[in-house]
Full PDB file with SEQRES, HELIX, SHEET, SSBOND, CRYST1, ORIGX, SCALE, CONECT and MASTER records, all heavy atoms in Angstrom:
SEQRES   1 A   36  VAL GLN ASP LEU THR THR ALA ALA THR PRO GLU LEU ALA          
SEQRES   2 A   36  ARG SER LEU VAL ILE GLY ALA LEU ALA SER ALA VAL VAL          
SEQRES   3 A   36  ALA ILE ALA CYS ALA ALA TRP LEU TRP PHE                      
HELIX    1 AA1 PRO A   10  TRP A   35  1                                  26    
CRYST1    1.000    1.000    1.000  90.00  90.00  90.00 P 1           1          
ORIGX1      1.000000  0.000000  0.000000        0.00000                         
ORIGX2      0.000000  1.000000  0.000000        0.00000                         
ORIGX3      0.000000  0.000000  1.000000        0.00000                         
SCALE1      1.000000  0.000000  0.000000        0.00000                         
SCALE2      0.000000  1.000000  0.000000        0.00000                         
SCALE3      0.000000  0.000000  1.000000        0.00000                         
ATOM      1  N   VAL A   1     113.709  96.066 114.449  1.00  0.00           N  
ATOM      2  CA  VAL A   1     113.275  94.872 115.186  1.00  0.00           C  
ATOM      3  C   VAL A   1     111.976  95.145 115.920  1.00  0.00           C  
ATOM      4  O   VAL A   1     111.041  94.336 115.887  1.00  0.00           O  
ATOM      5  CB  VAL A   1     114.385  94.399 116.156  1.00  0.00           C  
ATOM      6  CG1 VAL A   1     113.857  93.395 117.147  1.00  0.00           C  
ATOM      7  CG2 VAL A   1     115.546  93.815 115.379  1.00  0.00           C  
ATOM      8  N   GLN A   2     111.886  96.301 116.576  1.00  0.00           N  
ATOM      9  CA  GLN A   2     110.645  96.616 117.292  1.00  0.00           C  
ATOM     10  C   GLN A   2     109.482  96.837 116.330  1.00  0.00           C  
ATOM     11  O   GLN A   2     108.342  96.536 116.658  1.00  0.00           O  
ATOM     12  CB  GLN A   2     110.835  97.849 118.157  1.00  0.00           C  
ATOM     13  CG  GLN A   2     111.576  97.562 119.423  1.00  0.00           C  
ATOM     14  CD  GLN A   2     111.554  98.736 120.366  1.00  0.00           C  
ATOM     15  OE1 GLN A   2     111.506  99.883 119.954  1.00  0.00           O  
ATOM     16  NE2 GLN A   2     111.596  98.441 121.640  1.00  0.00           N  
ATOM     17  N   ASP A   3     109.761  97.379 115.176  1.00  0.00           N  
ATOM     18  CA  ASP A   3     108.692  97.636 114.216  1.00  0.00           C  
ATOM     19  C   ASP A   3     108.152  96.339 113.620  1.00  0.00           C  
ATOM     20  O   ASP A   3     106.959  96.236 113.354  1.00  0.00           O  
ATOM     21  CB  ASP A   3     109.212  98.549 113.105  1.00  0.00           C  
ATOM     22  CG  ASP A   3     108.105  99.042 112.205  1.00  0.00           C  
ATOM     23  OD1 ASP A   3     107.068  99.486 112.730  1.00  0.00           O  
ATOM     24  OD2 ASP A   3     108.288  99.001 110.976  1.00  0.00           O  
ATOM     25  N   LEU A   4     109.009  95.348 113.417  1.00  0.00           N  
ATOM     26  CA  LEU A   4     108.586  94.103 112.785  1.00  0.00           C  
ATOM     27  C   LEU A   4     108.107  93.035 113.761  1.00  0.00           C  
ATOM     28  O   LEU A   4     107.625  91.989 113.334  1.00  0.00           O  
ATOM     29  CB  LEU A   4     109.732  93.542 111.939  1.00  0.00           C  
ATOM     30  CG  LEU A   4     110.162  94.418 110.764  1.00  0.00           C  
ATOM     31  CD1 LEU A   4     111.337  93.776 110.051  1.00  0.00           C  
ATOM     32  CD2 LEU A   4     109.018  94.647 109.815  1.00  0.00           C  
ATOM     33  N   THR A   5     108.233  93.298 115.064  1.00  0.00           N  
ATOM     34  CA  THR A   5     107.819  92.319 116.058  1.00  0.00           C  
ATOM     35  C   THR A   5     106.293  92.295 116.156  1.00  0.00           C  
ATOM     36  O   THR A   5     105.646  93.334 116.220  1.00  0.00           O  
ATOM     37  CB  THR A   5     108.413  92.660 117.438  1.00  0.00           C  
ATOM     38  OG1 THR A   5     109.832  92.676 117.314  1.00  0.00           O  
ATOM     39  CG2 THR A   5     108.017  91.644 118.475  1.00  0.00           C  
ATOM     40  N   THR A   6     105.731  91.094 116.175  1.00  0.00           N  
ATOM     41  CA  THR A   6     104.291  90.939 116.324  1.00  0.00           C  
ATOM     42  C   THR A   6     103.962  90.838 117.809  1.00  0.00           C  
ATOM     43  O   THR A   6     104.547  90.039 118.532  1.00  0.00           O  
ATOM     44  CB  THR A   6     103.802  89.674 115.604  1.00  0.00           C  
ATOM     45  OG1 THR A   6     104.220  89.739 114.246  1.00  0.00           O  
ATOM     46  CG2 THR A   6     102.307  89.553 115.684  1.00  0.00           C  
ATOM     47  N   ALA A   7     103.023  91.660 118.248  1.00  0.00           N  
ATOM     48  CA  ALA A   7     102.660  91.684 119.664  1.00  0.00           C  
ATOM     49  C   ALA A   7     101.384  90.872 119.898  1.00  0.00           C  
ATOM     50  O   ALA A   7     100.518  90.771 119.026  1.00  0.00           O  
ATOM     51  CB  ALA A   7     102.456  93.116 120.121  1.00  0.00           C  
ATOM     52  N   ALA A   8     101.277  90.314 121.113  1.00  0.00           N  
ATOM     53  CA  ALA A   8     100.115  89.495 121.445  1.00  0.00           C  
ATOM     54  C   ALA A   8      98.934  90.344 121.901  1.00  0.00           C  
ATOM     55  O   ALA A   8      97.780  89.969 121.685  1.00  0.00           O  
ATOM     56  CB  ALA A   8     100.482  88.499 122.536  1.00  0.00           C  
ATOM     57  N   THR A   9      99.201  91.464 122.524  1.00  0.00           N  
ATOM     58  CA  THR A   9      98.130  92.314 123.045  1.00  0.00           C  
ATOM     59  C   THR A   9      98.285  93.730 122.502  1.00  0.00           C  
ATOM     60  O   THR A   9      99.394  94.132 122.121  1.00  0.00           O  
ATOM     61  CB  THR A   9      98.174  92.360 124.583  1.00  0.00           C  
ATOM     62  OG1 THR A   9      99.402  92.959 124.993  1.00  0.00           O  
ATOM     63  CG2 THR A   9      98.060  90.963 125.186  1.00  0.00           C  
ATOM     64  N   PRO A  10      97.209  94.503 122.480  1.00  0.00           N  
ATOM     65  CA  PRO A  10      97.312  95.887 122.020  1.00  0.00           C  
ATOM     66  C   PRO A  10      98.230  96.749 122.900  1.00  0.00           C  
ATOM     67  O   PRO A  10      98.898  97.653 122.395  1.00  0.00           O  
ATOM     68  CB  PRO A  10      95.875  96.399 122.080  1.00  0.00           C  
ATOM     69  CG  PRO A  10      95.022  95.190 121.995  1.00  0.00           C  
ATOM     70  CD  PRO A  10      95.804  94.104 122.658  1.00  0.00           C  
ATOM     71  N   GLU A  11      98.286  96.462 124.192  1.00  0.00           N  
ATOM     72  CA  GLU A  11      99.157  97.234 125.085  1.00  0.00           C  
ATOM     73  C   GLU A  11     100.628  97.001 124.736  1.00  0.00           C  
ATOM     74  O   GLU A  11     101.423  97.940 124.700  1.00  0.00           O  
ATOM     75  CB  GLU A  11      98.903  96.874 126.556  1.00  0.00           C  
ATOM     76  CG  GLU A  11      97.539  97.292 127.069  1.00  0.00           C  
ATOM     77  CD  GLU A  11      96.430  96.313 126.707  1.00  0.00           C  
ATOM     78  OE1 GLU A  11      96.748  95.156 126.327  1.00  0.00           O  
ATOM     79  OE2 GLU A  11      95.262  96.715 126.766  1.00  0.00           O  
ATOM     80  N   LEU A  12     100.976  95.752 124.486  1.00  0.00           N  
ATOM     81  CA  LEU A  12     102.350  95.440 124.099  1.00  0.00           C  
ATOM     82  C   LEU A  12     102.672  96.031 122.728  1.00  0.00           C  
ATOM     83  O   LEU A  12     103.769  96.545 122.507  1.00  0.00           O  
ATOM     84  CB  LEU A  12     102.562  93.919 124.093  1.00  0.00           C  
ATOM     85  CG  LEU A  12     103.945  93.426 123.699  1.00  0.00           C  
ATOM     86  CD1 LEU A  12     104.993  93.967 124.652  1.00  0.00           C  
ATOM     87  CD2 LEU A  12     103.984  91.924 123.660  1.00  0.00           C  
ATOM     88  N   ALA A  13     101.704  95.977 121.832  1.00  0.00           N  
ATOM     89  CA  ALA A  13     101.920  96.560 120.509  1.00  0.00           C  
ATOM     90  C   ALA A  13     102.160  98.059 120.615  1.00  0.00           C  
ATOM     91  O   ALA A  13     103.023  98.609 119.924  1.00  0.00           O  
ATOM     92  CB  ALA A  13     100.712  96.279 119.622  1.00  0.00           C  
ATOM     93  N   ARG A  14     101.413  98.733 121.476  1.00  0.00           N  
ATOM     94  CA  ARG A  14     101.604 100.173 121.650  1.00  0.00           C  
ATOM     95  C   ARG A  14     102.985 100.490 122.203  1.00  0.00           C  
ATOM     96  O   ARG A  14     103.658 101.418 121.740  1.00  0.00           O  
ATOM     97  CB  ARG A  14     100.520 100.742 122.569  1.00  0.00           C  
ATOM     98  CG  ARG A  14     100.546 102.249 122.641  1.00  0.00           C  
ATOM     99  CD  ARG A  14      99.402 102.819 123.452  1.00  0.00           C  
ATOM    100  NE  ARG A  14      98.127 102.442 122.858  1.00  0.00           N  
ATOM    101  CZ  ARG A  14      97.177 101.743 123.490  1.00  0.00           C  
ATOM    102  NH1 ARG A  14      97.349 101.347 124.723  1.00  0.00           N  
ATOM    103  NH2 ARG A  14      96.054 101.448 122.889  1.00  0.00           N  
ATOM    104  N   SER A  15     103.440  99.711 123.167  1.00  0.00           N  
ATOM    105  CA  SER A  15     104.770  99.976 123.733  1.00  0.00           C  
ATOM    106  C   SER A  15     105.875  99.679 122.713  1.00  0.00           C  
ATOM    107  O   SER A  15     106.883 100.404 122.657  1.00  0.00           O  
ATOM    108  CB  SER A  15     104.984  99.178 125.015  1.00  0.00           C  
ATOM    109  OG  SER A  15     104.986  97.800 124.747  1.00  0.00           O  
ATOM    110  N   LEU A  16     105.698  98.656 121.879  1.00  0.00           N  
ATOM    111  CA  LEU A  16     106.677  98.377 120.827  1.00  0.00           C  
ATOM    112  C   LEU A  16     106.718  99.501 119.797  1.00  0.00           C  
ATOM    113  O   LEU A  16     107.790  99.891 119.328  1.00  0.00           O  
ATOM    114  CB  LEU A  16     106.363  97.045 120.137  1.00  0.00           C  
ATOM    115  CG  LEU A  16     106.712  95.777 120.913  1.00  0.00           C  
ATOM    116  CD1 LEU A  16     106.145  94.568 120.192  1.00  0.00           C  
ATOM    117  CD2 LEU A  16     108.204  95.649 121.081  1.00  0.00           C  
ATOM    118  N   VAL A  17     105.553 100.028 119.454  1.00  0.00           N  
ATOM    119  CA  VAL A  17     105.499 101.115 118.475  1.00  0.00           C  
ATOM    120  C   VAL A  17     106.159 102.372 119.029  1.00  0.00           C  
ATOM    121  O   VAL A  17     106.916 103.051 118.322  1.00  0.00           O  
ATOM    122  CB  VAL A  17     104.030 101.379 118.064  1.00  0.00           C  
ATOM    123  CG1 VAL A  17     103.892 102.697 117.354  1.00  0.00           C  
ATOM    124  CG2 VAL A  17     103.528 100.262 117.180  1.00  0.00           C  
ATOM    125  N   ILE A  18     105.913 102.680 120.284  1.00  0.00           N  
ATOM    126  CA  ILE A  18     106.521 103.869 120.889  1.00  0.00           C  
ATOM    127  C   ILE A  18     108.041 103.702 120.973  1.00  0.00           C  
ATOM    128  O   ILE A  18     108.799 104.637 120.715  1.00  0.00           O  
ATOM    129  CB  ILE A  18     105.887 104.155 122.259  1.00  0.00           C  
ATOM    130  CG1 ILE A  18     104.440 104.607 122.056  1.00  0.00           C  
ATOM    131  CG2 ILE A  18     106.674 105.204 123.029  1.00  0.00           C  
ATOM    132  CD1 ILE A  18     103.642 104.712 123.327  1.00  0.00           C  
ATOM    133  N   GLY A  19     108.499 102.504 121.312  1.00  0.00           N  
ATOM    134  CA  GLY A  19     109.939 102.238 121.322  1.00  0.00           C  
ATOM    135  C   GLY A  19     110.561 102.352 119.945  1.00  0.00           C  
ATOM    136  O   GLY A  19     111.663 102.889 119.780  1.00  0.00           O  
ATOM    137  N   ALA A  20     109.854 101.875 118.929  1.00  0.00           N  
ATOM    138  CA  ALA A  20     110.356 101.984 117.551  1.00  0.00           C  
ATOM    139  C   ALA A  20     110.410 103.442 117.120  1.00  0.00           C  
ATOM    140  O   ALA A  20     111.364 103.859 116.451  1.00  0.00           O  
ATOM    141  CB  ALA A  20     109.481 101.171 116.614  1.00  0.00           C  
ATOM    142  N   LEU A  21     109.395 104.228 117.502  1.00  0.00           N  
ATOM    143  CA  LEU A  21     109.405 105.656 117.173  1.00  0.00           C  
ATOM    144  C   LEU A  21     110.593 106.363 117.818  1.00  0.00           C  
ATOM    145  O   LEU A  21     111.290 107.156 117.165  1.00  0.00           O  
ATOM    146  CB  LEU A  21     108.099 106.314 117.631  1.00  0.00           C  
ATOM    147  CG  LEU A  21     106.883 106.115 116.735  1.00  0.00           C  
ATOM    148  CD1 LEU A  21     105.632 106.621 117.425  1.00  0.00           C  
ATOM    149  CD2 LEU A  21     107.082 106.824 115.428  1.00  0.00           C  
ATOM    150  N   ALA A  22     110.834 106.081 119.093  1.00  0.00           N  
ATOM    151  CA  ALA A  22     111.949 106.736 119.789  1.00  0.00           C  
ATOM    152  C   ALA A  22     113.289 106.331 119.181  1.00  0.00           C  
ATOM    153  O   ALA A  22     114.166 107.190 118.968  1.00  0.00           O  
ATOM    154  CB  ALA A  22     111.902 106.376 121.277  1.00  0.00           C  
ATOM    155  N   SER A  23     113.451 105.054 118.877  1.00  0.00           N  
ATOM    156  CA  SER A  23     114.703 104.601 118.274  1.00  0.00           C  
ATOM    157  C   SER A  23     114.900 105.193 116.884  1.00  0.00           C  
ATOM    158  O   SER A  23     116.018 105.551 116.501  1.00  0.00           O  
ATOM    159  CB  SER A  23     114.726 103.076 118.179  1.00  0.00           C  
ATOM    160  OG  SER A  23     114.673 102.506 119.457  1.00  0.00           O  
ATOM    161  N   ALA A  24     113.820 105.318 116.127  1.00  0.00           N  
ATOM    162  CA  ALA A  24     113.924 105.895 114.784  1.00  0.00           C  
ATOM    163  C   ALA A  24     114.304 107.371 114.852  1.00  0.00           C  
ATOM    164  O   ALA A  24     115.089 107.850 114.028  1.00  0.00           O  
ATOM    165  CB  ALA A  24     112.610 105.716 114.039  1.00  0.00           C  
ATOM    166  N   VAL A  25     113.773 108.089 115.835  1.00  0.00           N  
ATOM    167  CA  VAL A  25     114.129 109.506 115.981  1.00  0.00           C  
ATOM    168  C   VAL A  25     115.605 109.654 116.325  1.00  0.00           C  
ATOM    169  O   VAL A  25     116.304 110.526 115.782  1.00  0.00           O  
ATOM    170  CB  VAL A  25     113.220 110.175 117.035  1.00  0.00           C  
ATOM    171  CG1 VAL A  25     113.743 111.542 117.430  1.00  0.00           C  
ATOM    172  CG2 VAL A  25     111.804 110.286 116.511  1.00  0.00           C  
ATOM    173  N   VAL A  26     116.115 108.795 117.204  1.00  0.00           N  
ATOM    174  CA  VAL A  26     117.547 108.828 117.547  1.00  0.00           C  
ATOM    175  C   VAL A  26     118.386 108.531 116.307  1.00  0.00           C  
ATOM    176  O   VAL A  26     119.393 109.209 116.035  1.00  0.00           O  
ATOM    177  CB  VAL A  26     117.853 107.826 118.686  1.00  0.00           C  
ATOM    178  CG1 VAL A  26     119.346 107.638 118.865  1.00  0.00           C  
ATOM    179  CG2 VAL A  26     117.227 108.284 119.980  1.00  0.00           C  
ATOM    180  N   ALA A  27     117.997 107.529 115.543  1.00  0.00           N  
ATOM    181  CA  ALA A  27     118.752 107.164 114.342  1.00  0.00           C  
ATOM    182  C   ALA A  27     118.718 108.280 113.298  1.00  0.00           C  
ATOM    183  O   ALA A  27     119.736 108.563 112.653  1.00  0.00           O  
ATOM    184  CB  ALA A  27     118.201 105.867 113.756  1.00  0.00           C  
ATOM    185  N   ILE A  28     117.582 108.938 113.138  1.00  0.00           N  
ATOM    186  CA  ILE A  28     117.492 110.037 112.177  1.00  0.00           C  
ATOM    187  C   ILE A  28     118.338 111.218 112.633  1.00  0.00           C  
ATOM    188  O   ILE A  28     118.984 111.884 111.808  1.00  0.00           O  
ATOM    189  CB  ILE A  28     116.017 110.429 111.954  1.00  0.00           C  
ATOM    190  CG1 ILE A  28     115.305 109.308 111.197  1.00  0.00           C  
ATOM    191  CG2 ILE A  28     115.894 111.743 111.207  1.00  0.00           C  
ATOM    192  CD1 ILE A  28     113.815 109.455 111.133  1.00  0.00           C  
ATOM    193  N   ALA A  29     118.365 111.475 113.930  1.00  0.00           N  
ATOM    194  CA  ALA A  29     119.220 112.551 114.443  1.00  0.00           C  
ATOM    195  C   ALA A  29     120.700 112.240 114.193  1.00  0.00           C  
ATOM    196  O   ALA A  29     121.464 113.124 113.780  1.00  0.00           O  
ATOM    197  CB  ALA A  29     118.962 112.762 115.934  1.00  0.00           C  
ATOM    198  N   CYS A  30     121.101 110.992 114.422  1.00  0.00           N  
ATOM    199  CA  CYS A  30     122.491 110.607 114.140  1.00  0.00           C  
ATOM    200  C   CYS A  30     122.797 110.712 112.647  1.00  0.00           C  
ATOM    201  O   CYS A  30     123.880 111.167 112.259  1.00  0.00           O  
ATOM    202  CB  CYS A  30     122.751 109.176 114.623  1.00  0.00           C  
ATOM    203  SG  CYS A  30     122.773 108.988 116.403  1.00  0.00           S  
ATOM    204  N   ALA A  31     121.860 110.306 111.809  1.00  0.00           N  
ATOM    205  CA  ALA A  31     122.067 110.384 110.364  1.00  0.00           C  
ATOM    206  C   ALA A  31     122.191 111.829 109.903  1.00  0.00           C  
ATOM    207  O   ALA A  31     123.043 112.151 109.071  1.00  0.00           O  
ATOM    208  CB  ALA A  31     120.916 109.694 109.635  1.00  0.00           C  
ATOM    209  N   ALA A  32     121.365 112.713 110.458  1.00  0.00           N  
ATOM    210  CA  ALA A  32     121.444 114.126 110.083  1.00  0.00           C  
ATOM    211  C   ALA A  32     122.774 114.722 110.531  1.00  0.00           C  
ATOM    212  O   ALA A  32     123.402 115.502 109.797  1.00  0.00           O  
ATOM    213  CB  ALA A  32     120.278 114.892 110.699  1.00  0.00           C  
ATOM    214  N   TRP A  33     123.231 114.356 111.720  1.00  0.00           N  
ATOM    215  CA  TRP A  33     124.518 114.861 112.211  1.00  0.00           C  
ATOM    216  C   TRP A  33     125.651 114.396 111.315  1.00  0.00           C  
ATOM    217  O   TRP A  33     126.535 115.176 110.958  1.00  0.00           O  
ATOM    218  CB  TRP A  33     124.752 114.407 113.648  1.00  0.00           C  
ATOM    219  CG  TRP A  33     125.935 115.042 114.273  1.00  0.00           C  
ATOM    220  CD1 TRP A  33     125.983 116.229 114.924  1.00  0.00           C  
ATOM    221  CD2 TRP A  33     127.279 114.530 114.298  1.00  0.00           C  
ATOM    222  NE1 TRP A  33     127.252 116.486 115.350  1.00  0.00           N  
ATOM    223  CE2 TRP A  33     128.071 115.467 114.985  1.00  0.00           C  
ATOM    224  CE3 TRP A  33     127.883 113.379 113.800  1.00  0.00           C  
ATOM    225  CZ2 TRP A  33     129.429 115.277 115.183  1.00  0.00           C  
ATOM    226  CZ3 TRP A  33     129.236 113.197 114.007  1.00  0.00           C  
ATOM    227  CH2 TRP A  33     129.992 114.133 114.690  1.00  0.00           C  
ATOM    228  N   LEU A  34     125.613 113.121 110.927  1.00  0.00           N  
ATOM    229  CA  LEU A  34     126.662 112.601 110.044  1.00  0.00           C  
ATOM    230  C   LEU A  34     126.608 113.271 108.675  1.00  0.00           C  
ATOM    231  O   LEU A  34     127.648 113.531 108.070  1.00  0.00           O  
ATOM    232  CB  LEU A  34     126.529 111.091 109.886  1.00  0.00           C  
ATOM    233  CG  LEU A  34     126.971 110.257 111.080  1.00  0.00           C  
ATOM    234  CD1 LEU A  34     126.583 108.808 110.875  1.00  0.00           C  
ATOM    235  CD2 LEU A  34     128.451 110.385 111.318  1.00  0.00           C  
ATOM    236  N   TRP A  35     125.425 113.539 108.170  1.00  0.00           N  
ATOM    237  CA  TRP A  35     125.303 114.112 106.838  1.00  0.00           C  
ATOM    238  C   TRP A  35     125.829 115.543 106.798  1.00  0.00           C  
ATOM    239  O   TRP A  35     126.518 115.939 105.870  1.00  0.00           O  
ATOM    240  CB  TRP A  35     123.853 114.075 106.373  1.00  0.00           C  
ATOM    241  CG  TRP A  35     123.699 114.603 104.987  1.00  0.00           C  
ATOM    242  CD1 TRP A  35     123.244 115.827 104.635  1.00  0.00           C  
ATOM    243  CD2 TRP A  35     124.044 113.935 103.774  1.00  0.00           C  
ATOM    244  NE1 TRP A  35     123.266 115.956 103.278  1.00  0.00           N  
ATOM    245  CE2 TRP A  35     123.752 114.812 102.717  1.00  0.00           C  
ATOM    246  CE3 TRP A  35     124.563 112.680 103.484  1.00  0.00           C  
ATOM    247  CZ2 TRP A  35     123.963 114.470 101.393  1.00  0.00           C  
ATOM    248  CZ3 TRP A  35     124.764 112.350 102.165  1.00  0.00           C  
ATOM    249  CH2 TRP A  35     124.471 113.236 101.136  1.00  0.00           C  
ATOM    250  N   PHE A  36     125.511 116.334 107.814  1.00  0.00           N  
ATOM    251  CA  PHE A  36     125.873 117.747 107.779  1.00  0.00           C  
ATOM    252  C   PHE A  36     127.247 118.053 108.361  1.00  0.00           C  
ATOM    253  O   PHE A  36     127.796 119.115 108.106  1.00  0.00           O  
ATOM    254  CB  PHE A  36     124.812 118.585 108.494  1.00  0.00           C  
ATOM    255  CG  PHE A  36     123.521 118.624 107.741  1.00  0.00           C  
ATOM    256  CD1 PHE A  36     122.382 118.059 108.273  1.00  0.00           C  
ATOM    257  CD2 PHE A  36     123.447 119.201 106.488  1.00  0.00           C  
ATOM    258  CE1 PHE A  36     121.194 118.091 107.574  1.00  0.00           C  
ATOM    259  CE2 PHE A  36     122.262 119.229 105.779  1.00  0.00           C  
ATOM    260  CZ  PHE A  36     121.131 118.674 106.326  1.00  0.00           C  
TER     261      PHE A  36                                                      
MASTER        0    0    0    1    0    0    0    6  260    1    0    3          
END                                                                             
């Protein structure tokens, strides 16, 4: 959701991208834990 959201300003876009990165890292960590 954060990755696909269109932001009105570059500052908002940067914060959405950083939030998407953090959420993706958490999801990848959970996926790796489940896999192994």
